[in-house]
C-alpha atoms as a PDB file:
ATOM      1  CA  MET A   1      71.125 106.957 126.997  1.00  0.00           C
ATOM      2  CA  ASN A   2      74.061 104.594 128.007  1.00  0.00           C
ATOM      3  CA  PRO A   3      77.087 105.916 126.007  1.00  0.00           C
ATOM      4  CA  ARG A   4      78.808 102.513 126.121  1.00  0.00           C
ATOM      5  CA  SER A   5      75.816 100.484 124.873  1.00  0.00           C
ATOM      6  CA  PHE A   6      75.041 103.160 122.223  1.00  0.00           C
ATOM      7  CA  LEU A   7      78.896 103.146 120.781  1.00  0.00           C
ATOM      8  CA  LYS A   8      78.540  99.250 120.626  1.00  0.00           C
ATOM      9  CA  ALA A   9      75.369  99.511 118.583  1.00  0.00           C
ATOM     10  CA  LEU A  10      76.787 102.236 116.423  1.00  0.00           C
ATOM     11  CA  ILE A  11      79.767 100.180 115.641  1.00  0.00           C
ATOM     12  CA  LEU A  12      77.745  97.426 114.401  1.00  0.00           C
ATOM     13  CA  LEU A  13      75.555  99.867 112.450  1.00  0.00           C
ATOM     14  CA  MET A  14      78.659 101.176 110.686  1.00  0.00           C
ATOM     15  CA  LEU A  15      79.110  97.780 109.024  1.00  0.00           C
ATOM     16  CA  VAL A  16      76.235  98.645 106.839  1.00  0.00           C
ATOM     17  CA  PRO A  17      77.627 101.614 104.844  1.00  0.00           C
ATOM     18  CA  ALA A  18      81.020  99.731 104.794  1.00  0.00           C
ATOM     19  CA  LEU A  19      79.557  96.398 103.405  1.00  0.00           C
ATOM     20  CA  LEU A  20      77.222  98.215 101.063  1.00  0.00           C
ATOM     21  CA  CYS A  21      79.858  98.783  98.587  1.00  0.00           C
ATOM     22  CA  LEU A  22      80.321  95.101  98.088  1.00  0.00           C
ATOM     23  CA  LEU A  23      76.597  94.867  97.072  1.00  0.00           C
ATOM     24  CA  LEU A  24      76.353  97.752  94.610  1.00  0.00           C
ATOM     25  CA  PRO A  25      76.861  97.324  90.834  1.00  0.00           C
ATOM     26  CA  ASP A  26      80.581  98.189  89.972  1.00  0.00           C
ATOM     27  CA  SER A  27      79.601 101.550  88.339  1.00  0.00           C
ATOM     28  CA  ILE A  28      77.642 102.635  91.318  1.00  0.00           C
ATOM     29  CA  ALA A  29      80.295 101.207  93.890  1.00  0.00           C
ATOM     30  CA  ARG A  30      83.048 103.272  92.266  1.00  0.00           C
ATOM     31  CA  SER A  31      81.007 106.554  92.674  1.00  0.00           C
ATOM     32  CA  TYR A  32      79.997 105.343  96.167  1.00  0.00           C
ATOM     33  CA  THR A  33      83.484 104.963  97.459  1.00  0.00           C
ATOM     34  CA  ARG A  34      84.933 108.083  95.764  1.00  0.00           C
ATOM     35  CA  ILE A  35      82.247 110.116  97.587  1.00  0.00           C
ATOM     36  CA  MET A  36      82.390 108.128 100.926  1.00  0.00           C
ATOM     37  CA  TYR A  37      86.101 108.249 101.558  1.00  0.00           C
ATOM     38  CA  PRO A  38      86.524 111.989 101.613  1.00  0.00           C
ATOM     39  CA  LEU A  39      82.985 112.562 103.113  1.00  0.00           C
ATOM     40  CA  ILE A  40      83.739 110.254 106.220  1.00  0.00           C
ATOM     41  CA  LEU A  41      87.208 111.725 106.655  1.00  0.00           C
ATOM     42  CA  LEU A  42      85.863 115.280 106.524  1.00  0.00           C
ATOM     43  CA  LEU A  43      83.189 114.455 108.889  1.00  0.00           C
ATOM     44  CA  SER A  44      85.773 112.641 111.387  1.00  0.00           C
ATOM     45  CA  GLY A  45      87.954 115.753 111.054  1.00  0.00           C
ATOM     46  CA  ILE A  46      85.020 118.086 111.914  1.00  0.00           C
ATOM     47  CA  LEU A  47      84.068 115.833 114.869  1.00  0.00           C
ATOM     48  CA  ALA A  48      87.619 115.882 116.261  1.00  0.00           C
ATOM     49  CA  MET A  49      87.824 119.591 116.127  1.00  0.00           C
ATOM     50  CA  ARG A  50      84.352 119.701 117.894  1.00  0.00           C
ATOM     51  CA  VAL A  51      85.664 117.386 120.559  1.00  0.00           C
ATOM     52  CA  SER A  52      88.761 119.618 120.959  1.00  0.00           C
ATOM     53  CA  THR A  53      86.527 122.354 122.304  1.00  0.00           C
ATOM     54  CA  ILE A  54      85.442 120.336 125.259  1.00  0.00           C
ATOM     55  CA  TYR A  55      88.868 120.494 126.720  1.00  0.00           C
ATOM     56  CA  THR A  56      90.922 123.288 128.195  1.00  0.00           C
ATOM     57  CA  ASN A  57      94.072 121.079 128.871  1.00  0.00           C
ATOM     58  CA  TRP A  58      96.484 119.202 126.600  1.00  0.00           C
ATOM     59  CA  LEU A  59      93.601 117.161 125.087  1.00  0.00           C
ATOM     60  CA  ARG A  60      92.439 120.086 123.283  1.00  0.00           C
ATOM     61  CA  ASN A  61      95.709 120.241 121.325  1.00  0.00           C
ATOM     62  CA  ALA A  62      95.641 116.438 120.874  1.00  0.00           C
ATOM     63  CA  PHE A  63      92.168 116.489 119.165  1.00  0.00           C
ATOM     64  CA  VAL A  64      93.220 119.591 117.070  1.00  0.00           C
ATOM     65  CA  PHE A  65      96.151 117.595 115.588  1.00  0.00           C
ATOM     66  CA  LEU A  66      94.007 114.572 115.163  1.00  0.00           C
ATOM     67  CA  SER A  67      91.588 116.613 113.156  1.00  0.00           C
ATOM     68  CA  LEU A  68      94.353 117.836 110.905  1.00  0.00           C
ATOM     69  CA  PHE A  69      95.636 114.311 110.428  1.00  0.00           C
ATOM     70  CA  LEU A  70      92.032 113.201 109.472  1.00  0.00           C
ATOM     71  CA  VAL A  71      91.786 116.068 106.999  1.00  0.00           C
ATOM     72  CA  LEU A  72      94.988 115.344 105.339  1.00  0.00           C
ATOM     73  CA  MET A  73      94.157 111.720 104.966  1.00  0.00           C
ATOM     74  CA  ILE A  74      91.624 112.953 102.396  1.00  0.00           C
ATOM     75  CA  PHE A  75      94.212 113.729  99.831  1.00  0.00           C
ATOM     76  CA  PRO A  76      95.353 110.119  99.093  1.00  0.00           C
ATOM     77  CA  HIS A  77      91.759 109.325  98.197  1.00  0.00           C
ATOM     78  CA  ILE A  78      91.450 112.062  95.601  1.00  0.00           C
ATOM     79  CA  ASP A  79      91.733 109.889  92.557  1.00  0.00           C
ATOM     80  CA  PHE A  80      92.311 112.727  89.885  1.00  0.00           C
ATOM     81  CA  LEU A  81      95.660 113.258  91.759  1.00  0.00           C
ATOM     82  CA  TRP A  82      96.838 109.555  91.556  1.00  0.00           C
ATOM     83  CA  SER A  83      98.738 110.084  88.321  1.00  0.00           C
ATOM     84  CA  PHE A  84     100.603 113.121  89.888  1.00  0.00           C
ATOM     85  CA  TYR A  85     101.367 110.950  92.909  1.00  0.00           C
ATOM     86  CA  ALA A  86     102.610 108.203  90.705  1.00  0.00           C
ATOM     87  CA  ALA A  87     105.098 110.568  88.942  1.00  0.00           C
ATOM     88  CA  HIS A  88     106.221 112.131  92.101  1.00  0.00           C
ATOM     89  CA  PRO A  89     106.862 109.436  94.753  1.00  0.00           C
ATOM     90  CA  LEU A  90     108.939 111.566  97.008  1.00  0.00           C
ATOM     91  CA  PHE A  91     106.056 114.132  97.175  1.00  0.00           C
ATOM     92  CA  VAL A  92     103.927 111.228  98.332  1.00  0.00           C
ATOM     93  CA  VAL A  93     106.544 110.461 101.192  1.00  0.00           C
ATOM     94  CA  LEU A  94     106.618 114.101 102.142  1.00  0.00           C
ATOM     95  CA  LEU A  95     102.674 114.130 102.379  1.00  0.00           C
ATOM     96  CA  GLN A  96     102.637 111.043 104.339  1.00  0.00           C
ATOM     97  CA  TRP A  97     105.369 112.222 106.694  1.00  0.00           C
ATOM     98  CA  VAL A  98     103.622 115.624 107.407  1.00  0.00           C
ATOM     99  CA  THR A  99     100.293 113.694 107.607  1.00  0.00           C
ATOM    100  CA  TYR A 100     101.698 111.302 110.438  1.00  0.00           C
ATOM    101  CA  ALA A 101     103.463 114.162 112.186  1.00  0.00           C
ATOM    102  CA  MET A 102      99.974 115.456 112.949  1.00  0.00           C
ATOM    103  CA  LEU A 103      99.327 112.097 114.454  1.00  0.00           C
ATOM    104  CA  VAL A 104     102.577 111.985 116.478  1.00  0.00           C
ATOM    105  CA  LEU A 105     101.701 115.409 117.962  1.00  0.00           C
ATOM    106  CA  CYS A 106      98.390 114.149 118.854  1.00  0.00           C
ATOM    107  CA  SER A 107     100.001 111.131 120.693  1.00  0.00           C
ATOM    108  CA  ILE A 108     102.442 113.470 122.505  1.00  0.00           C
ATOM    109  CA  TYR A 109      99.682 115.611 123.824  1.00  0.00           C
ATOM    110  CA  VAL A 110      97.607 112.693 124.917  1.00  0.00           C
ATOM    111  CA  LEU A 111     100.642 111.487 126.934  1.00  0.00           C
ATOM    112  CA  LYS A 112     100.923 114.778 128.571  1.00  0.00           C
ATOM    113  CA  VAL A 113      97.708 114.069 130.553  1.00  0.00           C
ATOM    114  CA  THR A 114      98.565 110.556 131.467  1.00  0.00           C
ATOM    115  CA  GLU A 115     100.358 110.219 134.716  1.00  0.00           C
ATOM    116  CA  VAL A 116     100.324 106.486 134.619  1.00  0.00           C
ATOM    117  CA  ARG A 117     103.717 105.403 133.065  1.00  0.00           C
ATOM    118  CA  GLN A 118     103.718 101.726 133.878  1.00  0.00           C
ATOM    119  CA  ILE A 119     102.242  99.348 131.198  1.00  0.00           C
ATOM    120  CA  SER A 120     100.510  96.223 132.488  1.00  0.00           C
ATOM    121  CA  VAL A 121     101.521  92.806 131.487  1.00  0.00           C
ATOM    122  CA  LYS A 122      98.433  92.475 129.279  1.00  0.00           C
ATOM    123  CA  GLY A 123      99.554  95.725 127.568  1.00  0.00           C
ATOM    124  CA  TRP A 124     103.011  94.561 126.993  1.00  0.00           C
ATOM    125  CA  LEU A 125     101.680  91.407 125.375  1.00  0.00           C
ATOM    126  CA  LEU A 126      99.609  93.542 122.925  1.00  0.00           C
ATOM    127  CA  ILE A 127     102.581  95.700 122.185  1.00  0.00           C
ATOM    128  CA  GLY A 128     104.588  92.597 121.364  1.00  0.00           C
ATOM    129  CA  ALA A 129     101.698  91.243 119.240  1.00  0.00           C
ATOM    130  CA  MET A 130     101.773  94.576 117.299  1.00  0.00           C
ATOM    131  CA  LEU A 131     105.424  94.452 116.957  1.00  0.00           C
ATOM    132  CA  VAL A 132     105.452  90.997 115.641  1.00  0.00           C
ATOM    133  CA  THR A 133     102.778  92.027 113.263  1.00  0.00           C
ATOM    134  CA  GLY A 134     104.922  94.926 112.049  1.00  0.00           C
ATOM    135  CA  ILE A 135     107.931  92.733 111.530  1.00  0.00           C
ATOM    136  CA  VAL A 136     105.821  90.289 109.531  1.00  0.00           C
ATOM    137  CA  ILE A 137     104.591  93.056 107.183  1.00  0.00           C
ATOM    138  CA  LEU A 138     107.941  94.391 106.522  1.00  0.00           C
ATOM    139  CA  ALA A 139     109.547  91.147 106.036  1.00  0.00           C
ATOM    140  CA  TYR A 140     106.762  90.168 103.654  1.00  0.00           C
ATOM    141  CA  HIS A 141     106.625  93.186 101.611  1.00  0.00           C
ATOM    142  CA  LEU A 142     110.056  94.712 101.568  1.00  0.00           C
ATOM    143  CA  PRO A 143     111.938  91.803  99.626  1.00  0.00           C
ATOM    144  CA  PRO A 144     109.633  92.143  96.647  1.00  0.00           C
ATOM    145  CA  LEU A 145     109.966  95.918  96.750  1.00  0.00           C
ATOM    146  CA  PHE A 146     113.704  95.703  96.473  1.00  0.00           C
ATOM    147  CA  GLN A 147     113.709  92.962  93.766  1.00  0.00           C
ATOM    148  CA  TYR A 148     110.995  94.072  91.313  1.00  0.00           C
ATOM    149  CA  TYR A 149     110.221  97.807  91.812  1.00  0.00           C
ATOM    150  CA  PRO A 150     111.899 100.608  89.778  1.00  0.00           C
ATOM    151  CA  ALA A 151     114.757 102.418  91.488  1.00  0.00           C
ATOM    152  CA  ILE A 152     112.841 105.580  91.854  1.00  0.00           C
ATOM    153  CA  TYR A 153     110.246 103.932  94.031  1.00  0.00           C
ATOM    154  CA  LYS A 154     112.427 101.724  96.300  1.00  0.00           C
ATOM    155  CA  LEU A 155     113.537 104.388  98.720  1.00  0.00           C
ATOM    156  CA  PRO A 156     110.148 106.309  98.935  1.00  0.00           C
ATOM    157  CA  LEU A 157     108.058 103.073  99.386  1.00  0.00           C
ATOM    158  CA  THR A 158     110.539 101.645 102.096  1.00  0.00           C
ATOM    159  CA  LEU A 159     110.199 104.880 104.071  1.00  0.00           C
ATOM    160  CA  ILE A 160     106.256 104.633 103.820  1.00  0.00           C
ATOM    161  CA  TYR A 161     106.319 100.936 104.876  1.00  0.00           C
ATOM    162  CA  ILE A 162     108.571 101.614 107.750  1.00  0.00           C
ATOM    163  CA  LEU A 163     106.535 104.779 108.814  1.00  0.00           C
ATOM    164  CA  ASP A 164     103.374 102.900 108.550  1.00  0.00           C
ATOM    165  CA  VAL A 165     104.594 100.112 110.993  1.00  0.00           C
ATOM    166  CA  ALA A 166     106.296 102.669 113.324  1.00  0.00           C
ATOM    167  CA  ILE A 167     103.119 104.686 113.622  1.00  0.00           C
ATOM    168  CA  VAL A 168     101.069 101.506 114.579  1.00  0.00           C
ATOM    169  CA  ILE A 169     103.547 100.242 117.258  1.00  0.00           C
ATOM    170  CA  MET A 170     103.662 103.940 118.552  1.00  0.00           C
ATOM    171  CA  LEU A 171      99.694 104.015 118.943  1.00  0.00           C
ATOM    172  CA  MET A 172      99.669 100.973 121.137  1.00  0.00           C
ATOM    173  CA  PRO A 173     101.518 102.377 124.382  1.00  0.00           C
ATOM    174  CA  VAL A 174      99.551 105.649 123.816  1.00  0.00           C
ATOM    175  CA  VAL A 175      96.044 104.072 124.016  1.00  0.00           C
ATOM    176  CA  LEU A 176      97.147 101.602 126.740  1.00  0.00           C
ATOM    177  CA  LEU A 177      98.493 104.366 128.954  1.00  0.00           C
ATOM    178  CA  TYR A 178      95.561 106.423 128.269  1.00  0.00           C
ATOM    179  CA  ALA A 179      93.159 103.629 129.166  1.00  0.00           C
ATOM    180  CA  GLN A 180      94.991 102.979 132.229  1.00  0.00           C
ATOM    181  CA  GLN A 181      95.028 106.669 133.303  1.00  0.00           C
ATOM    182  CA  MET A 182      91.126 106.721 132.696  1.00  0.00           C
ATOM    183  CA  GLN A 183      90.765 103.400 134.628  1.00  0.00           C
ATOM    184  CA  ALA A 184      92.649 105.021 137.587  1.00  0.00           C
ATOM    185  CA  GLU A 185      90.441 108.069 137.471  1.00  0.00           C
ATOM    186  CA  GLY A 186      87.142 105.889 137.234  1.00  0.00           C
ATOM    187  CA  ARG A 187      86.390 107.081 133.833  1.00  0.00           C
ATOM    188  CA  GLU A 188      85.567 105.540 130.391  1.00  0.00           C
ATOM    189  CA  SER A 189      88.191 104.872 127.693  1.00  0.00           C
ATOM    190  CA  ILE A 190      86.265 102.935 125.285  1.00  0.00           C
ATOM    191  CA  THR A 191      85.587 105.863 122.975  1.00  0.00           C
ATOM    192  CA  PHE A 192      89.251 106.629 122.716  1.00  0.00           C
ATOM    193  CA  THR A 193      90.133 103.001 122.183  1.00  0.00           C
ATOM    194  CA  THR A 194      87.578 102.894 119.308  1.00  0.00           C
ATOM    195  CA  ILE A 195      89.170 105.892 117.672  1.00  0.00           C
ATOM    196  CA  VAL A 196      92.777 104.422 117.890  1.00  0.00           C
ATOM    197  CA  SER A 197      91.454 101.008 116.675  1.00  0.00           C
ATOM    198  CA  GLY A 198      90.137 102.706 113.519  1.00  0.00           C
ATOM    199  CA  LEU A 199      93.493 104.486 113.039  1.00  0.00           C
ATOM    200  CA  ILE A 200      95.452 101.256 113.490  1.00  0.00           C
ATOM    201  CA  LEU A 201      93.162  99.301 111.007  1.00  0.00           C
ATOM    202  CA  SER A 202      93.321 102.109 108.458  1.00  0.00           C
ATOM    203  CA  THR A 203      97.107 102.011 108.640  1.00  0.00           C
ATOM    204  CA  ILE A 204      97.799  98.392 108.212  1.00  0.00           C
ATOM    205  CA  ALA A 205      94.768  96.988 106.575  1.00  0.00           C
ATOM    206  CA  VAL A 206      96.208  96.996 103.037  1.00  0.00           C
ATOM    207  CA  TYR A 207      99.371  95.099 104.158  1.00  0.00           C
ATOM    208  CA  LEU A 208      97.378  92.393 106.047  1.00  0.00           C
ATOM    209  CA  TYR A 209      94.831  92.179 102.929  1.00  0.00           C
ATOM    210  CA  VAL A 210      97.750  91.631 100.537  1.00  0.00           C
ATOM    211  CA  ILE A 211      99.233  88.840 102.858  1.00  0.00           C
ATOM    212  CA  VAL A 212      95.826  87.153 103.248  1.00  0.00           C
ATOM    213  CA  THR A 213      94.746  87.327  99.577  1.00  0.00           C
ATOM    214  CA  GLY A 214      98.331  86.684  98.023  1.00  0.00           C
ATOM    215  CA  ILE A 215      98.046  89.543  95.656  1.00  0.00           C
ATOM    216  CA  GLN A 216     101.096  91.974  94.963  1.00  0.00           C
ATOM    217  CA  LEU A 217     101.227  95.066  96.929  1.00  0.00           C
ATOM    218  CA  TYR A 218     101.437  97.156  93.853  1.00  0.00           C
ATOM    219  CA  GLU A 219      98.045  95.749  92.685  1.00  0.00           C
ATOM    220  CA  ALA A 220      96.371  96.967  95.889  1.00  0.00           C
ATOM    221  CA  PRO A 221      95.861 100.746  94.824  1.00  0.00           C
ATOM    222  CA  PHE A 222      93.759  99.413  91.689  1.00  0.00           C
ATOM    223  CA  LEU A 223      91.265  97.804  94.274  1.00  0.00           C
ATOM    224  CA  PHE A 224      90.460 101.078  95.740  1.00  0.00           C
ATOM    225  CA  HIS A 225      87.313 102.960  94.597  1.00  0.00           C
ATOM    226  CA  THR A 226      85.969  99.841  92.835  1.00  0.00           C
ATOM    227  CA  GLY A 227      83.652  98.348  95.707  1.00  0.00           C
ATOM    228  CA  SER A 228      86.326  95.663  96.705  1.00  0.00           C
ATOM    229  CA  ALA A 229      86.663  94.139 100.013  1.00  0.00           C
ATOM    230  CA  LEU A 230      89.544  96.534 100.751  1.00  0.00           C
ATOM    231  CA  ASP A 231      87.275  99.418 100.178  1.00  0.00           C
ATOM    232  CA  ALA A 232      84.869  97.905 102.619  1.00  0.00           C
ATOM    233  CA  LEU A 233      87.721  97.432 105.169  1.00  0.00           C
ATOM    234  CA  TYR A 234      88.960 100.953 104.775  1.00  0.00           C
ATOM    235  CA  LEU A 235      85.450 102.450 105.007  1.00  0.00           C
ATOM    236  CA  PHE A 236      84.837 100.487 108.073  1.00  0.00           C
ATOM    237  CA  SER A 237      88.046 101.675 109.770  1.00  0.00           C
ATOM    238  CA  TYR A 238      87.220 105.469 108.984  1.00  0.00           C
ATOM    239  CA  LEU A 239      83.547 104.815 110.251  1.00  0.00           C
ATOM    240  CA  LEU A 240      85.098 103.276 113.610  1.00  0.00           C
ATOM    241  CA  ILE A 241      86.760 106.750 113.985  1.00  0.00           C
ATOM    242  CA  VAL A 242      83.799 108.694 113.286  1.00  0.00           C
ATOM    243  CA  ALA A 243      81.719 106.547 115.808  1.00  0.00           C
ATOM    244  CA  GLY A 244      84.246 106.895 118.519  1.00  0.00           C
ATOM    245  CA  LEU A 245      84.576 110.668 117.919  1.00  0.00           C
ATOM    246  CA  TYR A 246      80.917 111.173 118.035  1.00  0.00           C
ATOM    247  CA  VAL A 247      80.189 109.367 121.257  1.00  0.00           C
ATOM    248  CA  HIS A 248      83.338 110.808 122.775  1.00  0.00           C
ATOM    249  CA  GLY A 249      81.961 114.284 122.195  1.00  0.00           C
ATOM    250  CA  LYS A 250      78.558 113.214 123.640  1.00  0.00           C
ATOM    251  CA  TYR A 251      79.779 111.153 126.527  1.00  0.00           C
ATOM    252  CA  ASP A 252      79.635 113.740 129.387  1.00  0.00           C
ATOM    253  CA  GLU A 253      76.441 115.077 128.076  1.00  0.00           C
ATOM    254  CA  TRP A 254      74.787 111.705 128.361  1.00  0.00           C
ATOM    255  CA  GLY A 255      76.421 110.729 131.475  1.00  0.00           C
ATOM    256  CA  PHE A 256      75.057 113.910 133.229  1.00  0.00           C
ATOM    257  CA  ALA A 257      71.519 113.191 131.779  1.00  0.00           C
ATOM    258  CA  GLN A 258      71.669 109.711 133.195  1.00  0.00           C
ATOM    259  CA  ILE A 259      72.690 110.981 136.636  1.00  0.00           C
ATOM    260  CA  GLU A 260      69.757 113.556 136.428  1.00  0.00           C
ATOM    261  CA  GLN A 261      67.411 110.941 135.556  1.00  0.00           C
ATOM    262  CA  ALA A 262      68.425 108.707 138.332  1.00  0.00           C
ATOM    263  CA  LEU A 263      68.253 111.645 140.758  1.00  0.00           C
ATOM    264  CA  ALA A 264      64.666 112.548 139.427  1.00  0.00           C
ATOM    265  CA  GLY A 265      63.698 108.907 139.771  1.00  0.00           C
ATOM    266  CA  GLY A 266      65.098 108.782 143.286  1.00  0.00           C
END
């Protein structure tokens, strides 16, 4: 089996469970999304931990921390905790900082295995585009925050917005350097790129959705677990991570199988 072709087909297949929430009746869509969010994130955490067992170098630690990040991401989707989060915004900031710390540690360990330190011109353009996107997100969302939100929420939400943008900008050079390292070694990087693409989409999707639709950011949480387009977007971002991790774990196995098949045919 060709891992690259399989991954592309799997990504297309992942659109089905993501878009399904748009077609379900409201009551069923609410239950569907409540179940799917933690289920997908738990599955991705298990897959990341499984991938970590493949490696004996720094990448083992990288995927362990990625697994912890994905498991911690379950907590924002536990809806019976939402009232607690609303009453304790500083706790939300602390939870998000701890969650993102796992992703930062994952990125540090990925960089430990990359000997390439020069980013290509195309890479810098992508980083620049992500930087501009981050500036647009902050410029669009921070003024209403300072103008309309209660004082208790201003500092926590400001920190969350800045952290989200910083994480996305940080991920770009990580994936670019890793991809260039794999290219230099004659190896494939599409699975890791798919994983990071899912991470980036899950981080900025809500901000971009608000800009495109024109709703207020404080209205966005009420769209989760309702079968909305925002639900579909987030489900797809998490399913991208699952697809990337699954194929990443199978890549060497399938690659060796292809070699054995070619040798047997020869």
